[in-house]
Amino acid sequence: MAVIIMLPSKDNIQLFKTMVRREVKSRYQGTLLGFFWNLVTPLLMLAIYSTVFLVVFEAKWHLEGTQTADYGLMLFIGILTHALWPKY
């Protein structure tokens, strides 16, 4: 099954921009930071989870040899995936 992505034609690009702008404004209307909540929320969750699991619980990945895992990066990718999956 092929996925077809419909892009606006040159004639309708202004209409497309207006509709996207209206959708974003209505989604974040009445919020303090508006669109920036998309960035602030995962970063705040990353800070909290990193503090809890790395400092309080001292979580470590058990890898072979002297390999180390970047726990913060893996956590951030997981948080972003989880945060964006239900929205789209």
PDB file of N, CA and C in Angstrom:
ATOM      1  N   MET A   1       0.844  -1.172   0.000  1.00  0.00           N
ATOM      2  CA  MET A   1       0.000   0.000   0.000  1.00  0.00           C
ATOM      3  C   MET A   1       0.890   1.236   0.000  1.00  0.00           C
ATOM      4  N   ALA A   2       0.716   2.082  -0.948  1.00  0.00           N
ATOM      5  CA  ALA A   2       1.535   3.288  -1.080  1.00  0.00           C
ATOM      6  C   ALA A   2       0.889   4.440  -0.324  1.00  0.00           C
ATOM      7  N   VAL A   3       1.732   5.219   0.281  1.00  0.00           N
ATOM      8  CA  VAL A   3       1.265   6.400   0.991  1.00  0.00           C
ATOM      9  C   VAL A   3       1.476   7.611   0.092  1.00  0.00           C
ATOM     10  N   ILE A   4       0.423   8.327  -0.154  1.00  0.00           N
ATOM     11  CA  ILE A   4       0.503   9.503  -1.016  1.00  0.00           C
ATOM     12  C   ILE A   4       0.395  10.738  -0.138  1.00  0.00           C
ATOM     13  N   ILE A   5       1.372  11.603  -0.249  1.00  0.00           N
ATOM     14  CA  ILE A   5       1.365  12.844   0.519  1.00  0.00           C
ATOM     15  C   ILE A   5       0.887  13.952  -0.401  1.00  0.00           C
ATOM     16  N   MET A   6      -0.195  14.566  -0.014  1.00  0.00           N
ATOM     17  CA  MET A   6      -0.764  15.640  -0.819  1.00  0.00           C
ATOM     18  C   MET A   6      -0.154  16.967  -0.395  1.00  0.00           C
ATOM     19  N   LEU A   7       0.542  17.597  -1.297  1.00  0.00           N
ATOM     20  CA  LEU A   7       1.100  18.915  -1.046  1.00  0.00           C
ATOM     21  C   LEU A   7       0.245  19.939  -1.767  1.00  0.00           C
ATOM     22  N   PRO A   8       0.141  21.132  -1.207  1.00  0.00           N
ATOM     23  CA  PRO A   8      -0.682  22.150  -1.863  1.00  0.00           C
ATOM     24  C   PRO A   8      -0.044  22.603  -3.174  1.00  0.00           C
ATOM     25  N   SER A   9      -0.882  22.889  -4.126  1.00  0.00           N
ATOM     26  CA  SER A   9      -0.374  23.394  -5.406  1.00  0.00           C
ATOM     27  C   SER A   9       0.033  24.852  -5.237  1.00  0.00           C
ATOM     28  N   LYS A  10       0.694  25.379  -6.249  1.00  0.00           N
ATOM     29  CA  LYS A  10       1.154  26.770  -6.183  1.00  0.00           C
ATOM     30  C   LYS A  10      -0.017  27.738  -6.044  1.00  0.00           C
ATOM     31  N   ASP A  11      -1.148  27.366  -6.596  1.00  0.00           N
ATOM     32  CA  ASP A  11      -2.324  28.239  -6.528  1.00  0.00           C
ATOM     33  C   ASP A  11      -2.903  28.304  -5.122  1.00  0.00           C
ATOM     34  N   ASN A  12      -2.766  27.230  -4.364  1.00  0.00           N
ATOM     35  CA  ASN A  12      -3.400  27.155  -3.053  1.00  0.00           C
ATOM     36  C   ASN A  12      -2.428  27.292  -1.887  1.00  0.00           C
ATOM     37  N   ILE A  13      -1.201  27.698  -2.134  1.00  0.00           N
ATOM     38  CA  ILE A  13      -0.211  27.745  -1.059  1.00  0.00           C
ATOM     39  C   ILE A  13      -0.592  28.777   0.003  1.00  0.00           C
ATOM     40  N   GLN A  14      -1.150  29.895  -0.384  1.00  0.00           N
ATOM     41  CA  GLN A  14      -1.560  30.907   0.596  1.00  0.00           C
ATOM     42  C   GLN A  14      -2.706  30.395   1.454  1.00  0.00           C
ATOM     43  N   LEU A  15      -3.651  29.695   0.851  1.00  0.00           N
ATOM     44  CA  LEU A  15      -4.756  29.098   1.609  1.00  0.00           C
ATOM     45  C   LEU A  15      -4.226  28.063   2.592  1.00  0.00           C
ATOM     46  N   PHE A  16      -3.282  27.243   2.148  1.00  0.00           N
ATOM     47  CA  PHE A  16      -2.674  26.227   3.020  1.00  0.00           C
ATOM     48  C   PHE A  16      -1.971  26.883   4.205  1.00  0.00           C
ATOM     49  N   LYS A  17      -1.198  27.926   3.976  1.00  0.00           N
ATOM     50  CA  LYS A  17      -0.504  28.628   5.059  1.00  0.00           C
ATOM     51  C   LYS A  17      -1.499  29.219   6.052  1.00  0.00           C
ATOM     52  N   THR A  18      -2.568  29.790   5.550  1.00  0.00           N
ATOM     53  CA  THR A  18      -3.585  30.382   6.416  1.00  0.00           C
ATOM     54  C   THR A  18      -4.256  29.311   7.272  1.00  0.00           C
ATOM     55  N   MET A  19      -4.555  28.174   6.687  1.00  0.00           N
ATOM     56  CA  MET A  19      -5.209  27.104   7.441  1.00  0.00           C
ATOM     57  C   MET A  19      -4.278  26.519   8.501  1.00  0.00           C
ATOM     58  N   VAL A  20      -3.012  26.361   8.182  1.00  0.00           N
ATOM     59  CA  VAL A  20      -2.053  25.850   9.160  1.00  0.00           C
ATOM     60  C   VAL A  20      -1.882  26.842  10.299  1.00  0.00           C
ATOM     61  N   ARG A  21      -1.741  28.112   9.976  1.00  0.00           N
ATOM     62  CA  ARG A  21      -1.591  29.145  11.003  1.00  0.00           C
ATOM     63  C   ARG A  21      -2.808  29.180  11.926  1.00  0.00           C
ATOM     64  N   ARG A  22      -4.003  29.059  11.351  1.00  0.00           N
ATOM     65  CA  ARG A  22      -5.237  29.066  12.145  1.00  0.00           C
ATOM     66  C   ARG A  22      -5.308  27.838  13.057  1.00  0.00           C
ATOM     67  N   GLU A  23      -4.896  26.681  12.546  1.00  0.00           N
ATOM     68  CA  GLU A  23      -4.912  25.457  13.343  1.00  0.00           C
ATOM     69  C   GLU A  23      -3.949  25.555  14.532  1.00  0.00           C
ATOM     70  N   VAL A  24      -2.758  26.069  14.285  1.00  0.00           N
ATOM     71  CA  VAL A  24      -1.768  26.202  15.365  1.00  0.00           C
ATOM     72  C   VAL A  24      -2.249  27.211  16.403  1.00  0.00           C
ATOM     73  N   LYS A  25      -2.807  28.325  15.958  1.00  0.00           N
ATOM     74  CA  LYS A  25      -3.317  29.330  16.901  1.00  0.00           C
ATOM     75  C   LYS A  25      -4.457  28.777  17.741  1.00  0.00           C
ATOM     76  N   SER A  26      -5.363  28.027  17.128  1.00  0.00           N
ATOM     77  CA  SER A  26      -6.502  27.504  17.889  1.00  0.00           C
ATOM     78  C   SER A  26      -6.060  26.405  18.858  1.00  0.00           C
ATOM     79  N   ARG A  27      -5.042  25.638  18.501  1.00  0.00           N
ATOM     80  CA  ARG A  27      -4.576  24.562  19.377  1.00  0.00           C
ATOM     81  C   ARG A  27      -3.943  25.115  20.645  1.00  0.00           C
ATOM     82  N   TYR A  28      -3.214  26.201  20.537  1.00  0.00           N
ATOM     83  CA  TYR A  28      -2.485  26.736  21.684  1.00  0.00           C
ATOM     84  C   TYR A  28      -3.082  28.038  22.212  1.00  0.00           C
ATOM     85  N   GLN A  29      -4.321  28.315  21.863  1.00  0.00           N
ATOM     86  CA  GLN A  29      -4.986  29.521  22.329  1.00  0.00           C
ATOM     87  C   GLN A  29      -5.204  29.453  23.836  1.00  0.00           C
ATOM     88  N   GLY A  30      -4.842  30.497  24.532  1.00  0.00           N
ATOM     89  CA  GLY A  30      -5.043  30.564  25.969  1.00  0.00           C
ATOM     90  C   GLY A  30      -3.915  29.969  26.788  1.00  0.00           C
ATOM     91  N   THR A  31      -2.878  29.446  26.146  1.00  0.00           N
ATOM     92  CA  THR A  31      -1.742  28.915  26.899  1.00  0.00           C
ATOM     93  C   THR A  31      -0.710  30.010  27.086  1.00  0.00           C
ATOM     94  N   LEU A  32       0.061  29.879  28.128  1.00  0.00           N
ATOM     95  CA  LEU A  32       1.033  30.916  28.470  1.00  0.00           C
ATOM     96  C   LEU A  32       2.153  31.017  27.435  1.00  0.00           C
ATOM     97  N   LEU A  33       2.729  29.892  27.042  1.00  0.00           N
ATOM     98  CA  LEU A  33       3.857  29.914  26.109  1.00  0.00           C
ATOM     99  C   LEU A  33       3.467  29.535  24.681  1.00  0.00           C
ATOM    100  N   GLY A  34       2.217  29.168  24.459  1.00  0.00           N
ATOM    101  CA  GLY A  34       1.760  28.846  23.116  1.00  0.00           C
ATOM    102  C   GLY A  34       2.483  27.660  22.517  1.00  0.00           C
ATOM    103  N   PHE A  35       2.993  27.845  21.316  1.00  0.00           N
ATOM    104  CA  PHE A  35       3.633  26.767  20.574  1.00  0.00           C
ATOM    105  C   PHE A  35       4.877  26.233  21.275  1.00  0.00           C
ATOM    106  N   PHE A  36       5.530  27.038  22.081  1.00  0.00           N
ATOM    107  CA  PHE A  36       6.757  26.616  22.745  1.00  0.00           C
ATOM    108  C   PHE A  36       6.530  25.546  23.815  1.00  0.00           C
ATOM    109  N   TRP A  37       5.276  25.274  24.166  1.00  0.00           N
ATOM    110  CA  TRP A  37       5.002  24.165  25.073  1.00  0.00           C
ATOM    111  C   TRP A  37       5.465  22.850  24.465  1.00  0.00           C
ATOM    112  N   ASN A  38       5.433  22.754  23.132  1.00  0.00           N
ATOM    113  CA  ASN A  38       5.925  21.534  22.468  1.00  0.00           C
ATOM    114  C   ASN A  38       7.393  21.295  22.759  1.00  0.00           C
ATOM    115  N   LEU A  39       8.157  22.335  22.965  1.00  0.00           N
ATOM    116  CA  LEU A  39       9.575  22.198  23.273  1.00  0.00           C
ATOM    117  C   LEU A  39       9.829  22.120  24.768  1.00  0.00           C
ATOM    118  N   VAL A  40       9.092  22.898  25.528  1.00  0.00           N
ATOM    119  CA  VAL A  40       9.326  22.983  26.972  1.00  0.00           C
ATOM    120  C   VAL A  40       8.923  21.688  27.677  1.00  0.00           C
ATOM    121  N   THR A  41       7.804  21.116  27.317  1.00  0.00           N
ATOM    122  CA  THR A  41       7.307  19.925  28.002  1.00  0.00           C
ATOM    123  C   THR A  41       8.278  18.739  27.926  1.00  0.00           C
ATOM    124  N   PRO A  42       8.758  18.341  26.735  1.00  0.00           N
ATOM    125  CA  PRO A  42       9.709  17.217  26.712  1.00  0.00           C
ATOM    126  C   PRO A  42      11.030  17.536  27.423  1.00  0.00           C
ATOM    127  N   LEU A  43      11.500  18.780  27.332  1.00  0.00           N
ATOM    128  CA  LEU A  43      12.749  19.136  28.016  1.00  0.00           C
ATOM    129  C   LEU A  43      12.575  19.108  29.535  1.00  0.00           C
ATOM    130  N   LEU A  44      11.433  19.563  30.014  1.00  0.00           N
ATOM    131  CA  LEU A  44      11.157  19.517  31.444  1.00  0.00           C
ATOM    132  C   LEU A  44      11.039  18.069  31.930  1.00  0.00           C
ATOM    133  N   MET A  45      10.353  17.236  31.150  1.00  0.00           N
ATOM    134  CA  MET A  45      10.243  15.823  31.514  1.00  0.00           C
ATOM    135  C   MET A  45      11.614  15.149  31.497  1.00  0.00           C
ATOM    136  N   LEU A  46      12.458  15.519  30.533  1.00  0.00           N
ATOM    137  CA  LEU A  46      13.812  14.964  30.469  1.00  0.00           C
ATOM    138  C   LEU A  46      14.605  15.335  31.711  1.00  0.00           C
ATOM    139  N   ALA A  47      14.501  16.581  32.132  1.00  0.00           N
ATOM    140  CA  ALA A  47      15.227  17.017  33.331  1.00  0.00           C
ATOM    141  C   ALA A  47      14.746  16.262  34.570  1.00  0.00           C
ATOM    142  N   ILE A  48      13.445  16.112  34.708  1.00  0.00           N
ATOM    143  CA  ILE A  48      12.895  15.422  35.879  1.00  0.00           C
ATOM    144  C   ILE A  48      13.266  13.941  35.867  1.00  0.00           C
ATOM    145  N   TYR A  49      13.033  13.261  34.733  1.00  0.00           N
ATOM    146  CA  TYR A  49      13.349  11.832  34.656  1.00  0.00           C
ATOM    147  C   TYR A  49      14.845  11.574  34.812  1.00  0.00           C
ATOM    148  N   SER A  50      15.670  12.417  34.204  1.00  0.00           N
ATOM    149  CA  SER A  50      17.122  12.236  34.339  1.00  0.00           C
ATOM    150  C   SER A  50      17.549  12.385  35.786  1.00  0.00           C
ATOM    151  N   THR A  51      16.997  13.376  36.467  1.00  0.00           N
ATOM    152  CA  THR A  51      17.340  13.579  37.872  1.00  0.00           C
ATOM    153  C   THR A  51      16.906  12.385  38.712  1.00  0.00           C
ATOM    154  N   VAL A  52      15.694  11.928  38.504  1.00  0.00           N
ATOM    155  CA  VAL A  52      15.180  10.819  39.308  1.00  0.00           C
ATOM    156  C   VAL A  52      15.955   9.532  39.036  1.00  0.00           C
ATOM    157  N   PHE A  53      16.115   9.174  37.765  1.00  0.00           N
ATOM    158  CA  PHE A  53      16.704   7.875  37.469  1.00  0.00           C
ATOM    159  C   PHE A  53      18.219   7.862  37.523  1.00  0.00           C
ATOM    160  N   LEU A  54      18.886   8.965  37.208  1.00  0.00           N
ATOM    161  CA  LEU A  54      20.349   8.964  37.239  1.00  0.00           C
ATOM    162  C   LEU A  54      20.912   9.340  38.602  1.00  0.00           C
ATOM    163  N   VAL A  55      20.268  10.261  39.292  1.00  0.00           N
ATOM    164  CA  VAL A  55      20.793  10.730  40.572  1.00  0.00           C
ATOM    165  C   VAL A  55      20.198   9.943  41.736  1.00  0.00           C
ATOM    166  N   VAL A  56      18.878   9.843  41.777  1.00  0.00           N
ATOM    167  CA  VAL A  56      18.222   9.202  42.914  1.00  0.00           C
ATOM    168  C   VAL A  56      18.366   7.682  42.856  1.00  0.00           C
ATOM    169  N   PHE A  57      17.987   7.066  41.732  1.00  0.00           N
ATOM    170  CA  PHE A  57      18.022   5.607  41.623  1.00  0.00           C
ATOM    171  C   PHE A  57      19.341   5.071  41.072  1.00  0.00           C
ATOM    172  N   GLU A  58      20.184   5.938  40.544  1.00  0.00           N
ATOM    173  CA  GLU A  58      21.469   5.565  39.940  1.00  0.00           C
ATOM    174  C   GLU A  58      21.309   4.450  38.916  1.00  0.00           C
ATOM    175  N   ALA A  59      20.398   4.654  37.973  1.00  0.00           N
ATOM    176  CA  ALA A  59      20.130   3.658  36.929  1.00  0.00           C
ATOM    177  C   ALA A  59      21.319   3.564  35.980  1.00  0.00           C
ATOM    178  N   LYS A  60      21.646   2.346  35.585  1.00  0.00           N
ATOM    179  CA  LYS A  60      22.751   2.110  34.666  1.00  0.00           C
ATOM    180  C   LYS A  60      22.325   1.048  33.664  1.00  0.00           C
ATOM    181  N   TRP A  61      22.867   1.148  32.470  1.00  0.00           N
ATOM    182  CA  TRP A  61      22.638   0.134  31.451  1.00  0.00           C
ATOM    183  C   TRP A  61      23.755  -0.881  31.569  1.00  0.00           C
ATOM    184  N   HIS A  62      23.412  -2.136  31.605  1.00  0.00           N
ATOM    185  CA  HIS A  62      24.411  -3.190  31.700  1.00  0.00           C
ATOM    186  C   HIS A  62      24.814  -3.619  30.288  1.00  0.00           C
ATOM    187  N   LEU A  63      25.949  -3.109  29.836  1.00  0.00           N
ATOM    188  CA  LEU A  63      26.461  -3.432  28.511  1.00  0.00           C
ATOM    189  C   LEU A  63      27.732  -4.252  28.649  1.00  0.00           C
ATOM    190  N   GLU A  64      28.095  -4.882  27.567  1.00  0.00           N
ATOM    191  CA  GLU A  64      29.297  -5.713  27.577  1.00  0.00           C
ATOM    192  C   GLU A  64      30.555  -4.854  27.587  1.00  0.00           C
ATOM    193  N   GLY A  65      31.546  -5.284  28.303  1.00  0.00           N
ATOM    194  CA  GLY A  65      32.847  -4.613  28.300  1.00  0.00           C
ATOM    195  C   GLY A  65      32.801  -3.220  28.892  1.00  0.00           C
ATOM    196  N   THR A  66      33.481  -2.323  28.230  1.00  0.00           N
ATOM    197  CA  THR A  66      33.578  -0.944  28.729  1.00  0.00           C
ATOM    198  C   THR A  66      32.629  -0.004  28.004  1.00  0.00           C
ATOM    199  N   GLN A  67      31.666  -0.539  27.296  1.00  0.00           N
ATOM    200  CA  GLN A  67      30.721   0.295  26.572  1.00  0.00           C
ATOM    201  C   GLN A  67      29.854   1.082  27.552  1.00  0.00           C
ATOM    202  N   THR A  68      29.551   2.285  27.187  1.00  0.00           N
ATOM    203  CA  THR A  68      28.644   3.084  28.000  1.00  0.00           C
ATOM    204  C   THR A  68      27.467   3.520  27.135  1.00  0.00           C
ATOM    205  N   ALA A  69      26.345   3.654  27.750  1.00  0.00           N
ATOM    206  CA  ALA A  69      25.142   4.088  27.047  1.00  0.00           C
ATOM    207  C   ALA A  69      24.809   5.504  27.484  1.00  0.00           C
ATOM    208  N   ASP A  70      24.430   6.311  26.532  1.00  0.00           N
ATOM    209  CA  ASP A  70      24.030   7.677  26.850  1.00  0.00           C
ATOM    210  C   ASP A  70      22.554   7.647  27.262  1.00  0.00           C
ATOM    211  N   TYR A  71      22.344   7.532  28.561  1.00  0.00           N
ATOM    212  CA  TYR A  71      20.995   7.364  29.104  1.00  0.00           C
ATOM    213  C   TYR A  71      20.114   8.573  28.779  1.00  0.00           C
ATOM    214  N   GLY A  72      20.666   9.770  28.876  1.00  0.00           N
ATOM    215  CA  GLY A  72      19.884  10.974  28.611  1.00  0.00           C
ATOM    216  C   GLY A  72      19.373  11.041  27.187  1.00  0.00           C
ATOM    217  N   LEU A  73      20.212  10.667  26.225  1.00  0.00           N
ATOM    218  CA  LEU A  73      19.807  10.687  24.823  1.00  0.00           C
ATOM    219  C   LEU A  73      18.712   9.659  24.563  1.00  0.00           C
ATOM    220  N   MET A  74      18.878   8.460  25.085  1.00  0.00           N
ATOM    221  CA  MET A  74      17.856   7.429  24.893  1.00  0.00           C
ATOM    222  C   MET A  74      16.540   7.832  25.563  1.00  0.00           C
ATOM    223  N   LEU A  75      16.633   8.434  26.725  1.00  0.00           N
ATOM    224  CA  LEU A  75      15.444   8.897  27.428  1.00  0.00           C
ATOM    225  C   LEU A  75      14.742   9.998  26.639  1.00  0.00           C
ATOM    226  N   PHE A  76      15.508  10.936  26.098  1.00  0.00           N
ATOM    227  CA  PHE A  76      14.934  12.040  25.329  1.00  0.00           C
ATOM    228  C   PHE A  76      14.236  11.534  24.071  1.00  0.00           C
ATOM    229  N   ILE A  77      14.833  10.576  23.376  1.00  0.00           N
ATOM    230  CA  ILE A  77      14.199  10.011  22.185  1.00  0.00           C
ATOM    231  C   ILE A  77      12.898   9.300  22.554  1.00  0.00           C
ATOM    232  N   GLY A  78      12.907   8.589  23.660  1.00  0.00           N
ATOM    233  CA  GLY A  78      11.691   7.925  24.117  1.00  0.00           C
ATOM    234  C   GLY A  78      10.598   8.905  24.504  1.00  0.00           C
ATOM    235  N   ILE A  79      10.972   9.974  25.184  1.00  0.00           N
ATOM    236  CA  ILE A  79       9.985  10.986  25.589  1.00  0.00           C
ATOM    237  C   ILE A  79       9.390  11.672  24.364  1.00  0.00           C
ATOM    238  N   LEU A  80      10.231  12.041  23.397  1.00  0.00           N
ATOM    239  CA  LEU A  80       9.713  12.685  22.190  1.00  0.00           C
ATOM    240  C   LEU A  80       8.797  11.757  21.405  1.00  0.00           C
ATOM    241  N   THR A  81       9.194  10.500  21.287  1.00  0.00           N
ATOM    242  CA  THR A  81       8.354   9.538  20.577  1.00  0.00           C
ATOM    243  C   THR A  81       7.006   9.389  21.265  1.00  0.00           C
ATOM    244  N   HIS A  82       7.028   9.271  22.568  1.00  0.00           N
ATOM    245  CA  HIS A  82       5.786   9.121  23.324  1.00  0.00           C
ATOM    246  C   HIS A  82       4.933  10.388  23.257  1.00  0.00           C
ATOM    247  N   ALA A  83       5.557  11.538  23.307  1.00  0.00           N
ATOM    248  CA  ALA A  83       4.810  12.799  23.311  1.00  0.00           C
ATOM    249  C   ALA A  83       4.184  13.097  21.948  1.00  0.00           C
ATOM    250  N   LEU A  84       4.852  12.758  20.874  1.00  0.00           N
ATOM    251  CA  LEU A  84       4.349  13.110  19.546  1.00  0.00           C
ATOM    252  C   LEU A  84       3.475  12.034  18.920  1.00  0.00           C
ATOM    253  N   TRP A  85       3.556  10.807  19.385  1.00  0.00           N
ATOM    254  CA  TRP A  85       2.815   9.713  18.780  1.00  0.00           C
ATOM    255  C   TRP A  85       1.292   9.909  18.830  1.00  0.00           C
ATOM    256  N   PRO A  86       0.685  10.225  19.976  1.00  0.00           N
ATOM    257  CA  PRO A  86      -0.772  10.327  19.995  1.00  0.00           C
ATOM    258  C   PRO A  86      -1.314  11.573  19.290  1.00  0.00           C
ATOM    259  N   LYS A  87      -0.484  12.591  19.103  1.00  0.00           N
ATOM    260  CA  LYS A  87      -0.967  13.824  18.482  1.00  0.00           C
ATOM    261  C   LYS A  87      -1.163  13.689  16.998  1.00  0.00           C
ATOM    262  N   TYR A  88      -0.373  12.852  16.358  1.00  0.00           N
ATOM    263  CA  TYR A  88      -0.431  12.784  14.899  1.00  0.00           C
ATOM    264  C   TYR A  88      -0.666  11.396  14.505  1.00  0.00           C
TER     265      TYR A  88
END
